[in-house]
Amino acid sequence: MTYYGLMKTSNISYFKAHLSQELRAVRNGERIIILDRDIPVAEVLPYDINKKKIRIQPPTKKLQYSEPSFKTKKDPLVYLLEDRARG
């Protein structure tokens, strides 16, 4: 177990052998970086119950589409399907 900057680090074998002790430290607010042969592979951090969830807001006004500035003889989907058929 060492410190990586201000964060505690732990090799996988040490973390597995001392799992309960390490999780107690995490419960107390500590963040632990898990290393595999001195390469960081994961970070264990406390679960935040109060973390804000994504909030979806309804639109404030109706979406408006403008008319295209060009005209075609065929439906644009026909051009797309022809292009895909060519390949």
PDB file of N, CA and C in Angstrom:
ATOM      1  N   MET A   1       0.843  -1.167   0.000  1.00  0.00           N
ATOM      2  CA  MET A   1       0.000   0.000   0.000  1.00  0.00           C
ATOM      3  C   MET A   1       0.892   1.234   0.000  1.00  0.00           C
ATOM      4  N   THR A   2       0.641   2.121  -0.936  1.00  0.00           N
ATOM      5  CA  THR A   2       1.388   3.378  -1.032  1.00  0.00           C
ATOM      6  C   THR A   2       0.395   4.499  -1.307  1.00  0.00           C
ATOM      7  N   TYR A   3       0.912   5.687  -1.523  1.00  0.00           N
ATOM      8  CA  TYR A   3       0.055   6.805  -1.858  1.00  0.00           C
ATOM      9  C   TYR A   3       0.444   7.340  -3.223  1.00  0.00           C
ATOM     10  N   TYR A   4      -0.536   7.551  -4.074  1.00  0.00           N
ATOM     11  CA  TYR A   4      -0.371   8.036  -5.438  1.00  0.00           C
ATOM     12  C   TYR A   4      -0.854   9.474  -5.416  1.00  0.00           C
ATOM     13  N   GLY A   5       0.096  10.407  -5.233  1.00  0.00           N
ATOM     14  CA  GLY A   5      -0.316  11.790  -5.008  1.00  0.00           C
ATOM     15  C   GLY A   5      -0.946  11.865  -3.632  1.00  0.00           C
ATOM     16  N   LEU A   6      -2.180  12.261  -3.562  1.00  0.00           N
ATOM     17  CA  LEU A   6      -2.891  12.315  -2.286  1.00  0.00           C
ATOM     18  C   LEU A   6      -3.804  11.115  -2.083  1.00  0.00           C
ATOM     19  N   MET A   7      -3.844  10.197  -3.048  1.00  0.00           N
ATOM     20  CA  MET A   7      -4.720   9.035  -2.937  1.00  0.00           C
ATOM     21  C   MET A   7      -3.939   7.790  -2.564  1.00  0.00           C
ATOM     22  N   LYS A   8      -4.582   6.958  -1.792  1.00  0.00           N
ATOM     23  CA  LYS A   8      -3.993   5.697  -1.370  1.00  0.00           C
ATOM     24  C   LYS A   8      -4.012   4.729  -2.551  1.00  0.00           C
ATOM     25  N   THR A   9      -2.947   3.953  -2.712  1.00  0.00           N
ATOM     26  CA  THR A   9      -2.906   2.933  -3.757  1.00  0.00           C
ATOM     27  C   THR A   9      -2.734   1.571  -3.112  1.00  0.00           C
ATOM     28  N   SER A  10      -3.172   0.550  -3.820  1.00  0.00           N
ATOM     29  CA  SER A  10      -3.084  -0.803  -3.297  1.00  0.00           C
ATOM     30  C   SER A  10      -2.938  -1.761  -4.471  1.00  0.00           C
ATOM     31  N   ASN A  11      -2.010  -2.706  -4.361  1.00  0.00           N
ATOM     32  CA  ASN A  11      -1.888  -3.745  -5.380  1.00  0.00           C
ATOM     33  C   ASN A  11      -3.078  -4.687  -5.255  1.00  0.00           C
ATOM     34  N   ILE A  12      -3.423  -5.368  -6.326  1.00  0.00           N
ATOM     35  CA  ILE A  12      -4.582  -6.255  -6.334  1.00  0.00           C
ATOM     36  C   ILE A  12      -4.472  -7.306  -5.229  1.00  0.00           C
ATOM     37  N   SER A  13      -3.320  -7.926  -5.093  1.00  0.00           N
ATOM     38  CA  SER A  13      -3.164  -8.989  -4.089  1.00  0.00           C
ATOM     39  C   SER A  13      -3.364  -8.446  -2.672  1.00  0.00           C
ATOM     40  N   TYR A  14      -2.814  -7.267  -2.393  1.00  0.00           N
ATOM     41  CA  TYR A  14      -2.980  -6.662  -1.071  1.00  0.00           C
ATOM     42  C   TYR A  14      -4.439  -6.298  -0.843  1.00  0.00           C
ATOM     43  N   PHE A  15      -5.078  -5.736  -1.869  1.00  0.00           N
ATOM     44  CA  PHE A  15      -6.479  -5.339  -1.751  1.00  0.00           C
ATOM     45  C   PHE A  15      -7.357  -6.553  -1.465  1.00  0.00           C
ATOM     46  N   LYS A  16      -7.104  -7.665  -2.174  1.00  0.00           N
ATOM     47  CA  LYS A  16      -7.886  -8.882  -1.953  1.00  0.00           C
ATOM     48  C   LYS A  16      -7.668  -9.425  -0.544  1.00  0.00           C
ATOM     49  N   ALA A  17      -6.425  -9.416  -0.081  1.00  0.00           N
ATOM     50  CA  ALA A  17      -6.101  -9.978   1.232  1.00  0.00           C
ATOM     51  C   ALA A  17      -6.648  -9.119   2.376  1.00  0.00           C
ATOM     52  N   HIS A  18      -6.806  -7.830   2.153  1.00  0.00           N
ATOM     53  CA  HIS A  18      -7.250  -6.908   3.195  1.00  0.00           C
ATOM     54  C   HIS A  18      -8.538  -6.187   2.799  1.00  0.00           C
ATOM     55  N   LEU A  19      -9.420  -6.910   2.141  1.00  0.00           N
ATOM     56  CA  LEU A  19     -10.627  -6.303   1.585  1.00  0.00           C
ATOM     57  C   LEU A  19     -11.471  -5.595   2.644  1.00  0.00           C
ATOM     58  N   SER A  20     -11.728  -6.237   3.761  1.00  0.00           N
ATOM     59  CA  SER A  20     -12.570  -5.621   4.801  1.00  0.00           C
ATOM     60  C   SER A  20     -11.945  -4.330   5.319  1.00  0.00           C
ATOM     61  N   GLN A  21     -10.657  -4.377   5.571  1.00  0.00           N
ATOM     62  CA  GLN A  21      -9.937  -3.196   6.073  1.00  0.00           C
ATOM     63  C   GLN A  21      -9.977  -2.061   5.041  1.00  0.00           C
ATOM     64  N   GLU A  22      -9.764  -2.395   3.787  1.00  0.00           N
ATOM     65  CA  GLU A  22      -9.765  -1.393   2.727  1.00  0.00           C
ATOM     66  C   GLU A  22     -11.159  -0.774   2.549  1.00  0.00           C
ATOM     67  N   LEU A  23     -12.196  -1.613   2.632  1.00  0.00           N
ATOM     68  CA  LEU A  23     -13.553  -1.087   2.480  1.00  0.00           C
ATOM     69  C   LEU A  23     -13.960  -0.215   3.666  1.00  0.00           C
ATOM     70  N   ARG A  24     -13.443  -0.509   4.857  1.00  0.00           N
ATOM     71  CA  ARG A  24     -13.687   0.383   6.002  1.00  0.00           C
ATOM     72  C   ARG A  24     -13.091   1.763   5.724  1.00  0.00           C
ATOM     73  N   ALA A  25     -11.902   1.787   5.156  1.00  0.00           N
ATOM     74  CA  ALA A  25     -11.264   3.062   4.817  1.00  0.00           C
ATOM     75  C   ALA A  25     -12.101   3.820   3.784  1.00  0.00           C
ATOM     76  N   VAL A  26     -12.649   3.090   2.811  1.00  0.00           N
ATOM     77  CA  VAL A  26     -13.488   3.721   1.787  1.00  0.00           C
ATOM     78  C   VAL A  26     -14.756   4.271   2.427  1.00  0.00           C
ATOM     79  N   ARG A  27     -15.360   3.512   3.338  1.00  0.00           N
ATOM     80  CA  ARG A  27     -16.552   4.006   4.037  1.00  0.00           C
ATOM     81  C   ARG A  27     -16.269   5.294   4.788  1.00  0.00           C
ATOM     82  N   ASN A  28     -15.032   5.453   5.246  1.00  0.00           N
ATOM     83  CA  ASN A  28     -14.639   6.654   5.979  1.00  0.00           C
ATOM     84  C   ASN A  28     -14.247   7.801   5.041  1.00  0.00           C
ATOM     85  N   GLY A  29     -14.461   7.628   3.742  1.00  0.00           N
ATOM     86  CA  GLY A  29     -14.237   8.714   2.797  1.00  0.00           C
ATOM     87  C   GLY A  29     -12.954   8.638   1.997  1.00  0.00           C
ATOM     88  N   GLU A  30     -12.155   7.595   2.192  1.00  0.00           N
ATOM     89  CA  GLU A  30     -10.888   7.490   1.465  1.00  0.00           C
ATOM     90  C   GLU A  30     -11.117   6.899   0.074  1.00  0.00           C
ATOM     91  N   ARG A  31     -10.332   7.356  -0.893  1.00  0.00           N
ATOM     92  CA  ARG A  31     -10.367   6.819  -2.247  1.00  0.00           C
ATOM     93  C   ARG A  31      -9.122   5.971  -2.435  1.00  0.00           C
ATOM     94  N   ILE A  32      -9.284   4.800  -3.067  1.00  0.00           N
ATOM     95  CA  ILE A  32      -8.161   3.876  -3.247  1.00  0.00           C
ATOM     96  C   ILE A  32      -8.008   3.572  -4.730  1.00  0.00           C
ATOM     97  N   ILE A  33      -6.781   3.688  -5.224  1.00  0.00           N
ATOM     98  CA  ILE A  33      -6.475   3.320  -6.611  1.00  0.00           C
ATOM     99  C   ILE A  33      -5.900   1.909  -6.580  1.00  0.00           C
ATOM    100  N   ILE A  34      -6.479   1.001  -7.356  1.00  0.00           N
ATOM    101  CA  ILE A  34      -6.014  -0.382  -7.428  1.00  0.00           C
ATOM    102  C   ILE A  34      -4.992  -0.482  -8.553  1.00  0.00           C
ATOM    103  N   LEU A  35      -3.832  -1.080  -8.239  1.00  0.00           N
ATOM    104  CA  LEU A  35      -2.744  -1.210  -9.208  1.00  0.00           C
ATOM    105  C   LEU A  35      -2.542  -2.658  -9.620  1.00  0.00           C
ATOM    106  N   ASP A  36      -2.257  -2.858 -10.886  1.00  0.00           N
ATOM    107  CA  ASP A  36      -1.851  -4.161 -11.412  1.00  0.00           C
ATOM    108  C   ASP A  36      -0.452  -3.977 -11.972  1.00  0.00           C
ATOM    109  N   ARG A  37       0.539  -4.502 -11.254  1.00  0.00           N
ATOM    110  CA  ARG A  37       1.960  -4.334 -11.612  1.00  0.00           C
ATOM    111  C   ARG A  37       2.307  -2.850 -11.746  1.00  0.00           C
ATOM    112  N   ASP A  38       1.916  -2.079 -10.771  1.00  0.00           N
ATOM    113  CA  ASP A  38       2.180  -0.638 -10.680  1.00  0.00           C
ATOM    114  C   ASP A  38       1.485   0.202 -11.751  1.00  0.00           C
ATOM    115  N   ILE A  39       0.476  -0.358 -12.406  1.00  0.00           N
ATOM    116  CA  ILE A  39      -0.307   0.384 -13.388  1.00  0.00           C
ATOM    117  C   ILE A  39      -1.720   0.544 -12.834  1.00  0.00           C
ATOM    118  N   PRO A  40      -2.224   1.772 -12.697  1.00  0.00           N
ATOM    119  CA  PRO A  40      -3.580   1.973 -12.178  1.00  0.00           C
ATOM    120  C   PRO A  40      -4.627   1.335 -13.092  1.00  0.00           C
ATOM    121  N   VAL A  41      -5.517   0.516 -12.511  1.00  0.00           N
ATOM    122  CA  VAL A  41      -6.561  -0.140 -13.299  1.00  0.00           C
ATOM    123  C   VAL A  41      -7.963   0.173 -12.802  1.00  0.00           C
ATOM    124  N   ALA A  42      -8.093   0.610 -11.544  1.00  0.00           N
ATOM    125  CA  ALA A  42      -9.423   0.897 -11.002  1.00  0.00           C
ATOM    126  C   ALA A  42      -9.303   1.869  -9.842  1.00  0.00           C
ATOM    127  N   GLU A  43     -10.418   2.472  -9.518  1.00  0.00           N
ATOM    128  CA  GLU A  43     -10.469   3.362  -8.368  1.00  0.00           C
ATOM    129  C   GLU A  43     -11.693   2.979  -7.542  1.00  0.00           C
ATOM    130  N   VAL A  44     -11.499   2.804  -6.255  1.00  0.00           N
ATOM    131  CA  VAL A  44     -12.600   2.501  -5.349  1.00  0.00           C
ATOM    132  C   VAL A  44     -12.872   3.761  -4.558  1.00  0.00           C
ATOM    133  N   LEU A  45     -14.106   4.235  -4.620  1.00  0.00           N
ATOM    134  CA  LEU A  45     -14.445   5.457  -3.916  1.00  0.00           C
ATOM    135  C   LEU A  45     -15.781   5.292  -3.214  1.00  0.00           C
ATOM    136  N   PRO A  46     -16.024   6.105  -2.187  1.00  0.00           N
ATOM    137  CA  PRO A  46     -17.265   5.967  -1.439  1.00  0.00           C
ATOM    138  C   PRO A  46     -18.484   6.231  -2.310  1.00  0.00           C
ATOM    139  N   TYR A  47     -19.546   5.495  -2.055  1.00  0.00           N
ATOM    140  CA  TYR A  47     -20.802   5.686  -2.769  1.00  0.00           C
ATOM    141  C   TYR A  47     -21.489   6.917  -2.201  1.00  0.00           C
ATOM    142  N   ASP A  48     -21.910   7.816  -3.072  1.00  0.00           N
ATOM    143  CA  ASP A  48     -22.553   9.046  -2.631  1.00  0.00           C
ATOM    144  C   ASP A  48     -24.057   8.927  -2.831  1.00  0.00           C
ATOM    145  N   ILE A  49     -24.778   8.732  -1.724  1.00  0.00           N
ATOM    146  CA  ILE A  49     -26.229   8.591  -1.790  1.00  0.00           C
ATOM    147  C   ILE A  49     -26.881   9.881  -2.256  1.00  0.00           C
ATOM    148  N   ASN A  50     -26.287  11.007  -1.911  1.00  0.00           N
ATOM    149  CA  ASN A  50     -26.870  12.308  -2.233  1.00  0.00           C
ATOM    150  C   ASN A  50     -26.488  12.829  -3.607  1.00  0.00           C
ATOM    151  N   LYS A  51     -25.778  12.006  -4.386  1.00  0.00           N
ATOM    152  CA  LYS A  51     -25.342  12.452  -5.712  1.00  0.00           C
ATOM    153  C   LYS A  51     -26.564  12.810  -6.557  1.00  0.00           C
ATOM    154  N   LYS A  52     -26.496  13.938  -7.208  1.00  0.00           N
ATOM    155  CA  LYS A  52     -27.625  14.379  -8.019  1.00  0.00           C
ATOM    156  C   LYS A  52     -27.806  13.455  -9.207  1.00  0.00           C
ATOM    157  N   LYS A  53     -29.029  13.102  -9.446  1.00  0.00           N
ATOM    158  CA  LYS A  53     -29.349  12.252 -10.588  1.00  0.00           C
ATOM    159  C   LYS A  53     -29.636  13.136 -11.794  1.00  0.00           C
ATOM    160  N   ILE A  54     -29.562  12.545 -12.953  1.00  0.00           N
ATOM    161  CA  ILE A  54     -29.849  13.279 -14.183  1.00  0.00           C
ATOM    162  C   ILE A  54     -31.321  13.668 -14.182  1.00  0.00           C
ATOM    163  N   ARG A  55     -31.567  14.909 -14.464  1.00  0.00           N
ATOM    164  CA  ARG A  55     -32.931  15.401 -14.494  1.00  0.00           C
ATOM    165  C   ARG A  55     -33.272  15.784 -15.924  1.00  0.00           C
ATOM    166  N   ILE A  56     -34.362  15.242 -16.425  1.00  0.00           N
ATOM    167  CA  ILE A  56     -34.791  15.540 -17.786  1.00  0.00           C
ATOM    168  C   ILE A  56     -35.875  16.601 -17.715  1.00  0.00           C
ATOM    169  N   GLN A  57     -35.641  17.664 -18.443  1.00  0.00           N
ATOM    170  CA  GLN A  57     -36.565  18.785 -18.448  1.00  0.00           C
ATOM    171  C   GLN A  57     -37.372  18.779 -19.732  1.00  0.00           C
ATOM    172  N   PRO A  58     -38.670  19.042 -19.658  1.00  0.00           N
ATOM    173  CA  PRO A  58     -39.449  19.121 -20.895  1.00  0.00           C
ATOM    174  C   PRO A  58     -39.017  20.341 -21.710  1.00  0.00           C
ATOM    175  N   PRO A  59     -39.219  20.303 -23.027  1.00  0.00           N
ATOM    176  CA  PRO A  59     -38.813  21.438 -23.854  1.00  0.00           C
ATOM    177  C   PRO A  59     -39.590  22.696 -23.493  1.00  0.00           C
ATOM    178  N   THR A  60     -38.931  23.834 -23.622  1.00  0.00           N
ATOM    179  CA  THR A  60     -39.585  25.105 -23.283  1.00  0.00           C
ATOM    180  C   THR A  60     -40.447  25.632 -24.433  1.00  0.00           C
ATOM    181  N   LYS A  61     -40.108  25.244 -25.669  1.00  0.00           N
ATOM    182  CA  LYS A  61     -40.939  25.644 -26.809  1.00  0.00           C
ATOM    183  C   LYS A  61     -40.903  24.542 -27.856  1.00  0.00           C
ATOM    184  N   LYS A  62     -41.836  24.586 -28.765  1.00  0.00           N
ATOM    185  CA  LYS A  62     -41.946  23.567 -29.797  1.00  0.00           C
ATOM    186  C   LYS A  62     -40.798  23.700 -30.798  1.00  0.00           C
ATOM    187  N   LEU A  63     -40.247  22.572 -31.194  1.00  0.00           N
ATOM    188  CA  LEU A  63     -39.171  22.566 -32.178  1.00  0.00           C
ATOM    189  C   LEU A  63     -39.727  22.917 -33.550  1.00  0.00           C
ATOM    190  N   GLN A  64     -39.057  23.835 -34.239  1.00  0.00           N
ATOM    191  CA  GLN A  64     -39.516  24.260 -35.555  1.00  0.00           C
ATOM    192  C   GLN A  64     -38.456  23.929 -36.594  1.00  0.00           C
ATOM    193  N   TYR A  65     -38.897  23.368 -37.683  1.00  0.00           N
ATOM    194  CA  TYR A  65     -37.996  23.032 -38.784  1.00  0.00           C
ATOM    195  C   TYR A  65     -38.146  24.062 -39.889  1.00  0.00           C
ATOM    196  N   SER A  66     -37.041  24.467 -40.484  1.00  0.00           N
ATOM    197  CA  SER A  66     -37.115  25.384 -41.618  1.00  0.00           C
ATOM    198  C   SER A  66     -37.152  24.569 -42.905  1.00  0.00           C
ATOM    199  N   GLU A  67     -37.708  25.152 -43.920  1.00  0.00           N
ATOM    200  CA  GLU A  67     -37.768  24.483 -45.217  1.00  0.00           C
ATOM    201  C   GLU A  67     -36.357  24.379 -45.797  1.00  0.00           C
ATOM    202  N   PRO A  68     -36.030  23.256 -46.459  1.00  0.00           N
ATOM    203  CA  PRO A  68     -34.699  23.148 -47.055  1.00  0.00           C
ATOM    204  C   PRO A  68     -34.516  24.195 -48.157  1.00  0.00           C
ATOM    205  N   SER A  69     -33.279  24.619 -48.353  1.00  0.00           N
ATOM    206  CA  SER A  69     -32.997  25.669 -49.342  1.00  0.00           C
ATOM    207  C   SER A  69     -32.818  25.114 -50.753  1.00  0.00           C
ATOM    208  N   PHE A  70     -33.024  23.808 -50.930  1.00  0.00           N
ATOM    209  CA  PHE A  70     -32.869  23.208 -52.256  1.00  0.00           C
ATOM    210  C   PHE A  70     -34.053  22.277 -52.516  1.00  0.00           C
ATOM    211  N   LYS A  71     -34.311  22.012 -53.777  1.00  0.00           N
ATOM    212  CA  LYS A  71     -35.406  21.125 -54.176  1.00  0.00           C
ATOM    213  C   LYS A  71     -34.809  19.952 -54.948  1.00  0.00           C
ATOM    214  N   THR A  72     -35.419  18.780 -54.792  1.00  0.00           N
ATOM    215  CA  THR A  72     -34.971  17.589 -55.524  1.00  0.00           C
ATOM    216  C   THR A  72     -36.171  17.006 -56.258  1.00  0.00           C
ATOM    217  N   LYS A  73     -35.879  16.259 -57.321  1.00  0.00           N
ATOM    218  CA  LYS A  73     -36.959  15.633 -58.082  1.00  0.00           C
ATOM    219  C   LYS A  73     -37.470  14.386 -57.378  1.00  0.00           C
ATOM    220  N   LYS A  74     -36.570  13.731 -56.612  1.00  0.00           N
ATOM    221  CA  LYS A  74     -36.954  12.512 -55.892  1.00  0.00           C
ATOM    222  C   LYS A  74     -36.827  12.756 -54.394  1.00  0.00           C
ATOM    223  N   ASP A  75     -37.427  11.851 -53.663  1.00  0.00           N
ATOM    224  CA  ASP A  75     -37.307  11.874 -52.205  1.00  0.00           C
ATOM    225  C   ASP A  75     -35.833  11.621 -51.841  1.00  0.00           C
ATOM    226  N   PRO A  76     -35.250  12.365 -50.912  1.00  0.00           N
ATOM    227  CA  PRO A  76     -33.846  12.159 -50.532  1.00  0.00           C
ATOM    228  C   PRO A  76     -33.546  10.730 -50.069  1.00  0.00           C
ATOM    229  N   LEU A  77     -34.540  10.050 -49.544  1.00  0.00           N
ATOM    230  CA  LEU A  77     -34.340   8.662 -49.119  1.00  0.00           C
ATOM    231  C   LEU A  77     -34.008   7.775 -50.318  1.00  0.00           C
ATOM    232  N   VAL A  78     -34.605   8.057 -51.462  1.00  0.00           N
ATOM    233  CA  VAL A  78     -34.322   7.294 -52.674  1.00  0.00           C
ATOM    234  C   VAL A  78     -32.849   7.458 -53.050  1.00  0.00           C
ATOM    235  N   TYR A  79     -32.321   8.684 -52.982  1.00  0.00           N
ATOM    236  CA  TYR A  79     -30.906   8.911 -53.275  1.00  0.00           C
ATOM    237  C   TYR A  79     -30.023   8.129 -52.305  1.00  0.00           C
ATOM    238  N   LEU A  80     -30.384   8.127 -51.059  1.00  0.00           N
ATOM    239  CA  LEU A  80     -29.598   7.416 -50.046  1.00  0.00           C
ATOM    240  C   LEU A  80     -29.588   5.923 -50.328  1.00  0.00           C
ATOM    241  N   LEU A  81     -30.743   5.344 -50.619  1.00  0.00           N
ATOM    242  CA  LEU A  81     -30.804   3.914 -50.896  1.00  0.00           C
ATOM    243  C   LEU A  81     -30.032   3.544 -52.162  1.00  0.00           C
ATOM    244  N   GLU A  82     -30.084   4.400 -53.181  1.00  0.00           N
ATOM    245  CA  GLU A  82     -29.302   4.155 -54.400  1.00  0.00           C
ATOM    246  C   GLU A  82     -27.812   4.173 -54.089  1.00  0.00           C
ATOM    247  N   ASP A  83     -27.392   5.136 -53.296  1.00  0.00           N
ATOM    248  CA  ASP A  83     -25.981   5.246 -52.938  1.00  0.00           C
ATOM    249  C   ASP A  83     -25.513   4.019 -52.154  1.00  0.00           C
ATOM    250  N   ARG A  84     -26.324   3.555 -51.243  1.00  0.00           N
ATOM    251  CA  ARG A  84     -25.956   2.366 -50.464  1.00  0.00           C
ATOM    252  C   ARG A  84     -25.918   1.116 -51.324  1.00  0.00           C
ATOM    253  N   ALA A  85     -26.784   1.039 -52.320  1.00  0.00           N
ATOM    254  CA  ALA A  85     -26.805  -0.112 -53.215  1.00  0.00           C
ATOM    255  C   ALA A  85     -25.526  -0.192 -54.049  1.00  0.00           C
ATOM    256  N   ARG A  86     -24.951   0.989 -54.396  1.00  0.00           N
ATOM    257  CA  ARG A  86     -23.716   1.022 -55.169  1.00  0.00           C
ATOM    258  C   ARG A  86     -22.523   0.520 -54.355  1.00  0.00           C
ATOM    259  N   GLY A  87     -22.617   0.719 -53.052  1.00  0.00           N
ATOM    260  CA  GLY A  87     -21.667   0.273 -52.254  1.00  0.00           C
ATOM    261  C   GLY A  87     -20.533   0.267 -51.592  1.00  0.00           C
TER     262      GLY A  87
END
